[in-house]
Amino acid sequence: YGMEFFAMEWFRQAPGKEREGVSCISRSGGITNYVDAVKGRFTISRD
């Protein structure tokens, strides 16, 4: 399986709330984004 062909994202869903994107990482790992609520606290990475 070539994970390098896929961008990856973490989502979360709390009870009674809509699912939200938390953080994404590009195929290369060079680009990452975070929802404001987790910036500075969460870190996404890939191998």
ModelCIF file with pLDDT and N, C-alpha, C, O atoms, coordinates in Angstrom:
data_MODEL
#
_entry.id   MODEL 
#
_entity.id                         1 
_entity.type                       polymer 
_entity.pdbx_number_of_molecules   1 
#
_entity_poly.entity_id                      1 
_entity_poly.type                           'polypeptide(L)' 
_entity_poly.nstd_linkage                   no 
_entity_poly.nstd_monomer                   no 
_entity_poly.pdbx_seq_one_letter_code       YGMEFFAMEWFRQAPGKEREGVSCISRSGGITNYVDAVKGRFTISRD 
_entity_poly.pdbx_seq_one_letter_code_can   YGMEFFAMEWFRQAPGKEREGVSCISRSGGITNYVDAVKGRFTISRD 
_entity_poly.pdbx_strand_id                 A 
#
loop_
_entity_poly_seq.entity_id 
_entity_poly_seq.num 
_entity_poly_seq.mon_id 
_entity_poly_seq.hetero 
1 1  TYR n 
1 2  GLY n 
1 3  MET n 
1 4  GLU n 
1 5  PHE n 
1 6  PHE n 
1 7  ALA n 
1 8  MET n 
1 9  GLU n 
1 10 TRP n 
1 11 PHE n 
1 12 ARG n 
1 13 GLN n 
1 14 ALA n 
1 15 PRO n 
1 16 GLY n 
1 17 LYS n 
1 18 GLU n 
1 19 ARG n 
1 20 GLU n 
1 21 GLY n 
1 22 VAL n 
1 23 SER n 
1 24 CYS n 
1 25 ILE n 
1 26 SER n 
1 27 ARG n 
1 28 SER n 
1 29 GLY n 
1 30 GLY n 
1 31 ILE n 
1 32 THR n 
1 33 ASN n 
1 34 TYR n 
1 35 VAL n 
1 36 ASP n 
1 37 ALA n 
1 38 VAL n 
1 39 LYS n 
1 40 GLY n 
1 41 ARG n 
1 42 PHE n 
1 43 THR n 
1 44 ILE n 
1 45 SER n 
1 46 ARG n 
1 47 ASP n 
#
_struct_asym.id          A 
_struct_asym.entity_id   1 
#
loop_
_ma_qa_metric.id 
_ma_qa_metric.mode 
_ma_qa_metric.name 
_ma_qa_metric.software_group_id 
_ma_qa_metric.type 
1 global pLDDT . pLDDT 
2 local  pLDDT . pLDDT 
#
_ma_qa_metric_global.metric_id      1 
_ma_qa_metric_global.metric_value   94.40 
_ma_qa_metric_global.model_id       1 
_ma_qa_metric_global.ordinal_id     1 
#
loop_
_ma_qa_metric_local.label_asym_id 
_ma_qa_metric_local.label_comp_id 
_ma_qa_metric_local.label_seq_id 
_ma_qa_metric_local.metric_id 
_ma_qa_metric_local.metric_value 
_ma_qa_metric_local.model_id 
_ma_qa_metric_local.ordinal_id 
A TYR 1  2 55.00 1 1  
A GLY 2  2 74.00 1 2  
A MET 3  2 81.00 1 3  
A GLU 4  2 85.00 1 4  
A PHE 5  2 87.00 1 5  
A PHE 6  2 91.00 1 6  
A ALA 7  2 95.00 1 7  
A MET 8  2 95.00 1 8  
A GLU 9  2 97.00 1 9  
A TRP 10 2 98.00 1 10 
A PHE 11 2 98.00 1 11 
A ARG 12 2 98.00 1 12 
A GLN 13 2 98.00 1 13 
A ALA 14 2 96.00 1 14 
A PRO 15 2 92.00 1 15 
A GLY 16 2 94.00 1 16 
A LYS 17 2 96.00 1 17 
A GLU 18 2 96.00 1 18 
A ARG 19 2 96.00 1 19 
A GLU 20 2 96.00 1 20 
A GLY 21 2 97.00 1 21 
A VAL 22 2 98.00 1 22 
A SER 23 2 98.00 1 23 
A CYS 24 2 98.00 1 24 
A ILE 25 2 98.00 1 25 
A SER 26 2 97.00 1 26 
A ARG 27 2 94.00 1 27 
A SER 28 2 94.00 1 28 
A GLY 29 2 95.00 1 29 
A GLY 30 2 96.00 1 30 
A ILE 31 2 97.00 1 31 
A THR 32 2 98.00 1 32 
A ASN 33 2 97.00 1 33 
A TYR 34 2 98.00 1 34 
A VAL 35 2 97.00 1 35 
A ASP 36 2 97.00 1 36 
A ALA 37 2 97.00 1 37 
A VAL 38 2 98.00 1 38 
A LYS 39 2 98.00 1 39 
A GLY 40 2 98.00 1 40 
A ARG 41 2 98.00 1 41 
A PHE 42 2 98.00 1 42 
A THR 43 2 98.00 1 43 
A ILE 44 2 98.00 1 44 
A SER 45 2 98.00 1 45 
A ARG 46 2 96.00 1 46 
A ASP 47 2 93.00 1 47 
#
loop_
_atom_site.group_PDB 
_atom_site.id 
_atom_site.type_symbol 
_atom_site.label_atom_id 
_atom_site.label_alt_id 
_atom_site.label_comp_id 
_atom_site.label_asym_id 
_atom_site.label_entity_id 
_atom_site.label_seq_id 
_atom_site.pdbx_PDB_ins_code 
_atom_site.Cartn_x 
_atom_site.Cartn_y 
_atom_site.Cartn_z 
_atom_site.occupancy 
_atom_site.B_iso_or_equiv 
_atom_site.pdbx_formal_charge 
_atom_site.auth_seq_id 
_atom_site.auth_comp_id 
_atom_site.auth_asym_id 
_atom_site.auth_atom_id 
_atom_site.pdbx_PDB_model_num 
ATOM 1   N N  . TYR A 1 1  ? 0.857   -1.187 0.000  1.00 55.00 ? 1  TYR A N  1 
ATOM 2   C CA . TYR A 1 1  ? 0.000   0.000  0.000  1.00 55.00 ? 1  TYR A CA 1 
ATOM 3   C C  . TYR A 1 1  ? 0.881   1.220  0.000  1.00 55.00 ? 1  TYR A C  1 
ATOM 4   O O  . TYR A 1 1  ? 1.772   1.350  0.840  1.00 55.00 ? 1  TYR A O  1 
ATOM 5   N N  . GLY A 1 2  ? 0.642   2.110  -0.929 1.00 74.00 ? 2  GLY A N  1 
ATOM 6   C CA . GLY A 1 2  ? 1.430   3.321  -1.022 1.00 74.00 ? 2  GLY A CA 1 
ATOM 7   C C  . GLY A 1 2  ? 0.749   4.479  -0.352 1.00 74.00 ? 2  GLY A C  1 
ATOM 8   O O  . GLY A 1 2  ? -0.003  5.213  -0.992 1.00 74.00 ? 2  GLY A O  1 
ATOM 9   N N  . MET A 1 3  ? 1.000   4.657  0.935  1.00 81.00 ? 3  MET A N  1 
ATOM 10  C CA . MET A 1 3  ? 0.385   5.761  1.653  1.00 81.00 ? 3  MET A CA 1 
ATOM 11  C C  . MET A 1 3  ? 0.840   7.092  1.107  1.00 81.00 ? 3  MET A C  1 
ATOM 12  O O  . MET A 1 3  ? 0.172   8.109  1.295  1.00 81.00 ? 3  MET A O  1 
ATOM 13  N N  . GLU A 1 4  ? 1.977   7.089  0.431  1.00 85.00 ? 4  GLU A N  1 
ATOM 14  C CA . GLU A 1 4  ? 2.490   8.338  -0.101 1.00 85.00 ? 4  GLU A CA 1 
ATOM 15  C C  . GLU A 1 4  ? 1.586   8.935  -1.167 1.00 85.00 ? 4  GLU A C  1 
ATOM 16  O O  . GLU A 1 4  ? 1.776   10.089 -1.553 1.00 85.00 ? 4  GLU A O  1 
ATOM 17  N N  . PHE A 1 5  ? 0.611   8.182  -1.651 1.00 87.00 ? 5  PHE A N  1 
ATOM 18  C CA . PHE A 1 5  ? -0.316  8.680  -2.658 1.00 87.00 ? 5  PHE A CA 1 
ATOM 19  C C  . PHE A 1 5  ? -1.525  9.386  -2.050 1.00 87.00 ? 5  PHE A C  1 
ATOM 20  O O  . PHE A 1 5  ? -2.386  9.886  -2.773 1.00 87.00 ? 5  PHE A O  1 
ATOM 21  N N  . PHE A 1 6  ? -1.588  9.424  -0.707 1.00 91.00 ? 6  PHE A N  1 
ATOM 22  C CA . PHE A 1 6  ? -2.762  9.967  -0.047 1.00 91.00 ? 6  PHE A CA 1 
ATOM 23  C C  . PHE A 1 6  ? -2.388  11.107 0.900  1.00 91.00 ? 6  PHE A C  1 
ATOM 24  O O  . PHE A 1 6  ? -1.461  10.982 1.700  1.00 91.00 ? 6  PHE A O  1 
ATOM 25  N N  . ALA A 1 7  ? -3.117  12.216 0.799  1.00 95.00 ? 7  ALA A N  1 
ATOM 26  C CA . ALA A 1 7  ? -3.112  13.191 1.878  1.00 95.00 ? 7  ALA A CA 1 
ATOM 27  C C  . ALA A 1 7  ? -3.953  12.612 3.008  1.00 95.00 ? 7  ALA A C  1 
ATOM 28  O O  . ALA A 1 7  ? -4.907  11.873 2.763  1.00 95.00 ? 7  ALA A O  1 
ATOM 29  N N  . MET A 1 8  ? -3.600  12.945 4.236  1.00 95.00 ? 8  MET A N  1 
ATOM 30  C CA . MET A 1 8  ? -4.266  12.358 5.398  1.00 95.00 ? 8  MET A CA 1 
ATOM 31  C C  . MET A 1 8  ? -4.836  13.454 6.284  1.00 95.00 ? 8  MET A C  1 
ATOM 32  O O  . MET A 1 8  ? -4.289  14.554 6.371  1.00 95.00 ? 8  MET A O  1 
ATOM 33  N N  . GLU A 1 9  ? -5.931  13.136 6.931  1.00 97.00 ? 9  GLU A N  1 
ATOM 34  C CA . GLU A 1 9  ? -6.544  14.114 7.832  1.00 97.00 ? 9  GLU A CA 1 
ATOM 35  C C  . GLU A 1 9  ? -7.131  13.400 9.031  1.00 97.00 ? 9  GLU A C  1 
ATOM 36  O O  . GLU A 1 9  ? -7.634  12.280 8.933  1.00 97.00 ? 9  GLU A O  1 
ATOM 37  N N  . TRP A 1 10 ? -7.055  14.075 10.166 1.00 98.00 ? 10 TRP A N  1 
ATOM 38  C CA . TRP A 1 10 ? -7.733  13.647 11.386 1.00 98.00 ? 10 TRP A CA 1 
ATOM 39  C C  . TRP A 1 10 ? -8.992  14.483 11.552 1.00 98.00 ? 10 TRP A C  1 
ATOM 40  O O  . TRP A 1 10 ? -8.964  15.707 11.422 1.00 98.00 ? 10 TRP A O  1 
ATOM 41  N N  . PHE A 1 11 ? -10.094 13.806 11.840 1.00 98.00 ? 11 PHE A N  1 
ATOM 42  C CA . PHE A 1 11 ? -11.366 14.427 12.157 1.00 98.00 ? 11 PHE A CA 1 
ATOM 43  C C  . PHE A 1 11 ? -11.748 14.035 13.582 1.00 98.00 ? 11 PHE A C  1 
ATOM 44  O O  . PHE A 1 11 ? -11.181 13.103 14.151 1.00 98.00 ? 11 PHE A O  1 
ATOM 45  N N  . ARG A 1 12 ? -12.702 14.745 14.143 1.00 98.00 ? 12 ARG A N  1 
ATOM 46  C CA . ARG A 1 12 ? -13.270 14.338 15.421 1.00 98.00 ? 12 ARG A CA 1 
ATOM 47  C C  . ARG A 1 12 ? -14.747 14.687 15.464 1.00 98.00 ? 12 ARG A C  1 
ATOM 48  O O  . ARG A 1 12 ? -15.220 15.601 14.787 1.00 98.00 ? 12 ARG A O  1 
ATOM 49  N N  . GLN A 1 13 ? -15.451 13.932 16.276 1.00 98.00 ? 13 GLN A N  1 
ATOM 50  C CA . GLN A 1 13 ? -16.880 14.196 16.455 1.00 98.00 ? 13 GLN A CA 1 
ATOM 51  C C  . GLN A 1 13 ? -17.232 13.962 17.909 1.00 98.00 ? 13 GLN A C  1 
ATOM 52  O O  . GLN A 1 13 ? -17.066 12.862 18.436 1.00 98.00 ? 13 GLN A O  1 
ATOM 53  N N  . ALA A 1 14 ? -17.718 15.007 18.547 1.00 96.00 ? 14 ALA A N  1 
ATOM 54  C CA . ALA A 1 14 ? -18.174 14.926 19.931 1.00 96.00 ? 14 ALA A CA 1 
ATOM 55  C C  . ALA A 1 14 ? -19.667 14.649 19.931 1.00 96.00 ? 14 ALA A C  1 
ATOM 56  O O  . ALA A 1 14 ? -20.352 14.959 18.957 1.00 96.00 ? 14 ALA A O  1 
ATOM 57  N N  . PRO A 1 15 ? -20.181 14.072 21.009 1.00 92.00 ? 15 PRO A N  1 
ATOM 58  C CA . PRO A 1 15 ? -21.616 13.783 21.094 1.00 92.00 ? 15 PRO A CA 1 
ATOM 59  C C  . PRO A 1 15 ? -22.451 15.037 20.872 1.00 92.00 ? 15 PRO A C  1 
ATOM 60  O O  . PRO A 1 15 ? -22.209 16.070 21.496 1.00 92.00 ? 15 PRO A O  1 
ATOM 61  N N  . GLY A 1 16 ? -23.429 14.944 19.985 1.00 94.00 ? 16 GLY A N  1 
ATOM 62  C CA . GLY A 1 16 ? -24.315 16.064 19.726 1.00 94.00 ? 16 GLY A CA 1 
ATOM 63  C C  . GLY A 1 16 ? -23.733 17.153 18.843 1.00 94.00 ? 16 GLY A C  1 
ATOM 64  O O  . GLY A 1 16 ? -24.376 18.179 18.619 1.00 94.00 ? 16 GLY A O  1 
ATOM 65  N N  . LYS A 1 17 ? -22.528 16.945 18.341 1.00 96.00 ? 17 LYS A N  1 
ATOM 66  C CA . LYS A 1 17 ? -21.873 17.950 17.494 1.00 96.00 ? 17 LYS A CA 1 
ATOM 67  C C  . LYS A 1 17 ? -21.558 17.363 16.129 1.00 96.00 ? 17 LYS A C  1 
ATOM 68  O O  . LYS A 1 17 ? -21.507 16.146 15.948 1.00 96.00 ? 17 LYS A O  1 
ATOM 69  N N  . GLU A 1 18 ? -21.349 18.257 15.177 1.00 96.00 ? 18 GLU A N  1 
ATOM 70  C CA . GLU A 1 18 ? -20.964 17.822 13.845 1.00 96.00 ? 18 GLU A CA 1 
ATOM 71  C C  . GLU A 1 18 ? -19.488 17.408 13.820 1.00 96.00 ? 18 GLU A C  1 
ATOM 72  O O  . GLU A 1 18 ? -18.677 17.867 14.624 1.00 96.00 ? 18 GLU A O  1 
ATOM 73  N N  . ARG A 1 19 ? -19.177 16.538 12.882 1.00 96.00 ? 19 ARG A N  1 
ATOM 74  C CA . ARG A 1 19 ? -17.783 16.158 12.703 1.00 96.00 ? 19 ARG A CA 1 
ATOM 75  C C  . ARG A 1 19 ? -16.988 17.353 12.188 1.00 96.00 ? 19 ARG A C  1 
ATOM 76  O O  . ARG A 1 19 ? -17.464 18.112 11.343 1.00 96.00 ? 19 ARG A O  1 
ATOM 77  N N  . GLU A 1 20 ? -15.772 17.512 12.707 1.00 96.00 ? 20 GLU A N  1 
ATOM 78  C CA . GLU A 1 20 ? -14.930 18.619 12.266 1.00 96.00 ? 20 GLU A CA 1 
ATOM 79  C C  . GLU A 1 20 ? -13.538 18.123 11.921 1.00 96.00 ? 20 GLU A C  1 
ATOM 80  O O  . GLU A 1 20 ? -13.024 17.187 12.532 1.00 96.00 ? 20 GLU A O  1 
ATOM 81  N N  . GLY A 1 21 ? -12.947 18.759 10.941 1.00 97.00 ? 21 GLY A N  1 
ATOM 82  C CA . GLY A 1 21 ? -11.566 18.462 10.597 1.00 97.00 ? 21 GLY A CA 1 
ATOM 83  C C  . GLY A 1 21 ? -10.643 19.063 11.632 1.00 97.00 ? 21 GLY A C  1 
ATOM 84  O O  . GLY A 1 21 ? -10.782 20.237 11.976 1.00 97.00 ? 21 GLY A O  1 
ATOM 85  N N  . VAL A 1 22 ? -9.712  18.288 12.130 1.00 98.00 ? 22 VAL A N  1 
ATOM 86  C CA . VAL A 1 22 ? -8.785  18.728 13.173 1.00 98.00 ? 22 VAL A CA 1 
ATOM 87  C C  . VAL A 1 22 ? -7.447  19.131 12.572 1.00 98.00 ? 22 VAL A C  1 
ATOM 88  O O  . VAL A 1 22 ? -6.923  20.207 12.860 1.00 98.00 ? 22 VAL A O  1 
ATOM 89  N N  . SER A 1 23 ? -6.903  18.259 11.736 1.00 98.00 ? 23 SER A N  1 
ATOM 90  C CA . SER A 1 23 ? -5.585  18.530 11.178 1.00 98.00 ? 23 SER A CA 1 
ATOM 91  C C  . SER A 1 23 ? -5.379  17.693 9.937  1.00 98.00 ? 23 SER A C  1 
ATOM 92  O O  . SER A 1 23 ? -5.845  16.556 9.858  1.00 98.00 ? 23 SER A O  1 
ATOM 93  N N  . CYS A 1 24 ? -4.672  18.261 8.958  1.00 98.00 ? 24 CYS A N  1 
ATOM 94  C CA . CYS A 1 24 ? -4.363  17.511 7.743  1.00 98.00 ? 24 CYS A CA 1 
ATOM 95  C C  . CYS A 1 24 ? -2.873  17.603 7.452  1.00 98.00 ? 24 CYS A C  1 
ATOM 96  O O  . CYS A 1 24 ? -2.182  18.505 7.926  1.00 98.00 ? 24 CYS A O  1 
ATOM 97  N N  . ILE A 1 25 ? -2.396  16.649 6.665  1.00 98.00 ? 25 ILE A N  1 
ATOM 98  C CA . ILE A 1 25 ? -1.000  16.631 6.260  1.00 98.00 ? 25 ILE A CA 1 
ATOM 99  C C  . ILE A 1 25 ? -0.930  16.189 4.810  1.00 98.00 ? 25 ILE A C  1 
ATOM 100 O O  . ILE A 1 25 ? -1.612  15.251 4.398  1.00 98.00 ? 25 ILE A O  1 
ATOM 101 N N  . SER A 1 26 ? -0.096  16.880 4.042  1.00 97.00 ? 26 SER A N  1 
ATOM 102 C CA . SER A 1 26 ? 0.011   16.578 2.617  1.00 97.00 ? 26 SER A CA 1 
ATOM 103 C C  . SER A 1 26 ? 0.768   15.272 2.399  1.00 97.00 ? 26 SER A C  1 
ATOM 104 O O  . SER A 1 26 ? 1.326   14.700 3.336  1.00 97.00 ? 26 SER A O  1 
ATOM 105 N N  . ARG A 1 27 ? 0.780   14.817 1.172  1.00 94.00 ? 27 ARG A N  1 
ATOM 106 C CA . ARG A 1 27 ? 1.447   13.565 0.823  1.00 94.00 ? 27 ARG A CA 1 
ATOM 107 C C  . ARG A 1 27 ? 2.926   13.605 1.183  1.00 94.00 ? 27 ARG A C  1 
ATOM 108 O O  . ARG A 1 27 ? 3.484   12.610 1.645  1.00 94.00 ? 27 ARG A O  1 
ATOM 109 N N  . SER A 1 28 ? 3.552   14.741 0.976  1.00 94.00 ? 28 SER A N  1 
ATOM 110 C CA . SER A 1 28 ? 4.983   14.872 1.265  1.00 94.00 ? 28 SER A CA 1 
ATOM 111 C C  . SER A 1 28 ? 5.267   15.067 2.738  1.00 94.00 ? 28 SER A C  1 
ATOM 112 O O  . SER A 1 28 ? 6.391   14.857 3.194  1.00 94.00 ? 28 SER A O  1 
ATOM 113 N N  . GLY A 1 29 ? 4.247   15.469 3.486  1.00 95.00 ? 29 GLY A N  1 
ATOM 114 C CA . GLY A 1 29 ? 4.447   15.822 4.884  1.00 95.00 ? 29 GLY A CA 1 
ATOM 115 C C  . GLY A 1 29 ? 4.874   17.266 5.074  1.00 95.00 ? 29 GLY A C  1 
ATOM 116 O O  . GLY A 1 29 ? 4.999   17.738 6.204  1.00 95.00 ? 29 GLY A O  1 
ATOM 117 N N  . GLY A 1 30 ? 5.097   17.968 3.969  1.00 96.00 ? 30 GLY A N  1 
ATOM 118 C CA . GLY A 1 30 ? 5.609   19.326 4.076  1.00 96.00 ? 30 GLY A CA 1 
ATOM 119 C C  . GLY A 1 30 ? 4.565   20.379 4.389  1.00 96.00 ? 30 GLY A C  1 
ATOM 120 O O  . GLY A 1 30 ? 4.903   21.484 4.813  1.00 96.00 ? 30 GLY A O  1 
ATOM 121 N N  . ILE A 1 31 ? 3.312   20.050 4.187  1.00 97.00 ? 31 ILE A N  1 
ATOM 122 C CA . ILE A 1 31 ? 2.213   20.979 4.457  1.00 97.00 ? 31 ILE A CA 1 
ATOM 123 C C  . ILE A 1 31 ? 1.298   20.382 5.518  1.00 97.00 ? 31 ILE A C  1 
ATOM 124 O O  . ILE A 1 31 ? 0.837   19.247 5.396  1.00 97.00 ? 31 ILE A O  1 
ATOM 125 N N  . THR A 1 32 ? 1.046   21.167 6.558  1.00 98.00 ? 32 THR A N  1 
ATOM 126 C CA . THR A 1 32 ? 0.118   20.749 7.610  1.00 98.00 ? 32 THR A CA 1 
ATOM 127 C C  . THR A 1 32 ? -0.812  21.909 7.926  1.00 98.00 ? 32 THR A C  1 
ATOM 128 O O  . THR A 1 32 ? -0.422  23.073 7.835  1.00 98.00 ? 32 THR A O  1 
ATOM 129 N N  . ASN A 1 33 ? -2.030  21.587 8.292  1.00 97.00 ? 33 ASN A N  1 
ATOM 130 C CA . ASN A 1 33 ? -3.007  22.587 8.722  1.00 97.00 ? 33 ASN A CA 1 
ATOM 131 C C  . ASN A 1 33 ? -3.707  22.107 9.974  1.00 97.00 ? 33 ASN A C  1 
ATOM 132 O O  . ASN A 1 33 ? -3.839  20.906 10.210 1.00 97.00 ? 33 ASN A O  1 
ATOM 133 N N  . TYR A 1 34 ? -4.155  23.067 10.776 1.00 98.00 ? 34 TYR A N  1 
ATOM 134 C CA . TYR A 1 34 ? -4.829  22.752 12.031 1.00 98.00 ? 34 TYR A CA 1 
ATOM 135 C C  . TYR A 1 34 ? -6.050  23.646 12.195 1.00 98.00 ? 34 TYR A C  1 
ATOM 136 O O  . TYR A 1 34 ? -6.052  24.802 11.772 1.00 98.00 ? 34 TYR A O  1 
ATOM 137 N N  . VAL A 1 35 ? -7.070  23.101 12.806 1.00 97.00 ? 35 VAL A N  1 
ATOM 138 C CA . VAL A 1 35 ? -8.195  23.939 13.200 1.00 97.00 ? 35 VAL A CA 1 
ATOM 139 C C  . VAL A 1 35 ? -7.727  24.837 14.346 1.00 97.00 ? 35 VAL A C  1 
ATOM 140 O O  . VAL A 1 35 ? -6.871  24.443 15.138 1.00 97.00 ? 35 VAL A O  1 
ATOM 141 N N  . ASP A 1 36 ? -8.286  26.034 14.430 1.00 97.00 ? 36 ASP A N  1 
ATOM 142 C CA . ASP A 1 36 ? -7.807  27.011 15.413 1.00 97.00 ? 36 ASP A CA 1 
ATOM 143 C C  . ASP A 1 36 ? -7.817  26.467 16.832 1.00 97.00 ? 36 ASP A C  1 
ATOM 144 O O  . ASP A 1 36 ? -6.938  26.801 17.627 1.00 97.00 ? 36 ASP A O  1 
ATOM 145 N N  . ALA A 1 37 ? -8.787  25.643 17.158 1.00 97.00 ? 37 ALA A N  1 
ATOM 146 C CA . ALA A 1 37 ? -8.948  25.163 18.535 1.00 97.00 ? 37 ALA A CA 1 
ATOM 147 C C  . ALA A 1 37 ? -7.779  24.305 19.010 1.00 97.00 ? 37 ALA A C  1 
ATOM 148 O O  . ALA A 1 37 ? -7.593  24.134 20.215 1.00 97.00 ? 37 ALA A O  1 
ATOM 149 N N  . VAL A 1 38 ? -6.987  23.764 18.084 1.00 98.00 ? 38 VAL A N  1 
ATOM 150 C CA . VAL A 1 38 ? -5.897  22.864 18.490 1.00 98.00 ? 38 VAL A CA 1 
ATOM 151 C C  . VAL A 1 38 ? -4.519  23.406 18.131 1.00 98.00 ? 38 VAL A C  1 
ATOM 152 O O  . VAL A 1 38 ? -3.509  22.776 18.444 1.00 98.00 ? 38 VAL A O  1 
ATOM 153 N N  . LYS A 1 39 ? -4.464  24.555 17.482 1.00 98.00 ? 39 LYS A N  1 
ATOM 154 C CA . LYS A 1 39 ? -3.163  25.117 17.087 1.00 98.00 ? 39 LYS A CA 1 
ATOM 155 C C  . LYS A 1 39 ? -2.274  25.338 18.301 1.00 98.00 ? 39 LYS A C  1 
ATOM 156 O O  . LYS A 1 39 ? -2.704  25.878 19.320 1.00 98.00 ? 39 LYS A O  1 
ATOM 157 N N  . GLY A 1 40 ? -1.022  24.908 18.166 1.00 98.00 ? 40 GLY A N  1 
ATOM 158 C CA . GLY A 1 40 ? -0.076  25.046 19.258 1.00 98.00 ? 40 GLY A CA 1 
ATOM 159 C C  . GLY A 1 40 ? -0.128  23.914 20.266 1.00 98.00 ? 40 GLY A C  1 
ATOM 160 O O  . GLY A 1 40 ? 0.732   23.823 21.142 1.00 98.00 ? 40 GLY A O  1 
ATOM 161 N N  . ARG A 1 41 ? -1.133  23.046 20.153 1.00 98.00 ? 41 ARG A N  1 
ATOM 162 C CA . ARG A 1 41 ? -1.258  21.924 21.099 1.00 98.00 ? 41 ARG A CA 1 
ATOM 163 C C  . ARG A 1 41 ? -1.132  20.571 20.414 1.00 98.00 ? 41 ARG A C  1 
ATOM 164 O O  . ARG A 1 41 ? -0.612  19.622 21.002 1.00 98.00 ? 41 ARG A O  1 
ATOM 165 N N  . PHE A 1 42 ? -1.606  20.476 19.174 1.00 98.00 ? 42 PHE A N  1 
ATOM 166 C CA . PHE A 1 42 ? -1.579  19.219 18.428 1.00 98.00 ? 42 PHE A CA 1 
ATOM 167 C C  . PHE A 1 42 ? -0.537  19.303 17.318 1.00 98.00 ? 42 PHE A C  1 
ATOM 168 O O  . PHE A 1 42 ? -0.296  20.367 16.748 1.00 98.00 ? 42 PHE A O  1 
ATOM 169 N N  . THR A 1 43 ? 0.076   18.156 17.024 1.00 98.00 ? 43 THR A N  1 
ATOM 170 C CA . THR A 1 43 ? 1.044   18.078 15.932 1.00 98.00 ? 43 THR A CA 1 
ATOM 171 C C  . THR A 1 43 ? 0.767   16.831 15.100 1.00 98.00 ? 43 THR A C  1 
ATOM 172 O O  . THR A 1 43 ? 0.719   15.722 15.632 1.00 98.00 ? 43 THR A O  1 
ATOM 173 N N  . ILE A 1 44 ? 0.586   17.012 13.809 1.00 98.00 ? 44 ILE A N  1 
ATOM 174 C CA . ILE A 1 44 ? 0.366   15.897 12.907 1.00 98.00 ? 44 ILE A CA 1 
ATOM 175 C C  . ILE A 1 44 ? 1.684   15.563 12.210 1.00 98.00 ? 44 ILE A C  1 
ATOM 176 O O  . ILE A 1 44 ? 2.475   16.453 11.898 1.00 98.00 ? 44 ILE A O  1 
ATOM 177 N N  . SER A 1 45 ? 1.908   14.283 11.973 1.00 98.00 ? 45 SER A N  1 
ATOM 178 C CA . SER A 1 45 ? 3.105   13.850 11.253 1.00 98.00 ? 45 SER A CA 1 
ATOM 179 C C  . SER A 1 45 ? 2.787   12.539 10.545 1.00 98.00 ? 45 SER A C  1 
ATOM 180 O O  . SER A 1 45 ? 1.744   11.929 10.780 1.00 98.00 ? 45 SER A O  1 
ATOM 181 N N  . ARG A 1 46 ? 3.685   12.123 9.690  1.00 96.00 ? 46 ARG A N  1 
ATOM 182 C CA . ARG A 1 46 ? 3.458   10.876 8.969  1.00 96.00 ? 46 ARG A CA 1 
ATOM 183 C C  . ARG A 1 46 ? 4.786   10.187 8.697  1.00 96.00 ? 46 ARG A C  1 
ATOM 184 O O  . ARG A 1 46 ? 5.833   10.827 8.598  1.00 96.00 ? 46 ARG A O  1 
ATOM 185 N N  . ASP A 1 47 ? 4.714   8.858  8.578  1.00 93.00 ? 47 ASP A N  1 
ATOM 186 C CA . ASP A 1 47 ? 5.852   8.038  8.207  1.00 93.00 ? 47 ASP A CA 1 
ATOM 187 C C  . ASP A 1 47 ? 5.365   7.133  7.087  1.00 93.00 ? 47 ASP A C  1 
ATOM 188 O O  . ASP A 1 47 ? 6.133   6.321  6.572  1.00 93.00 ? 47 ASP A O  1 
#
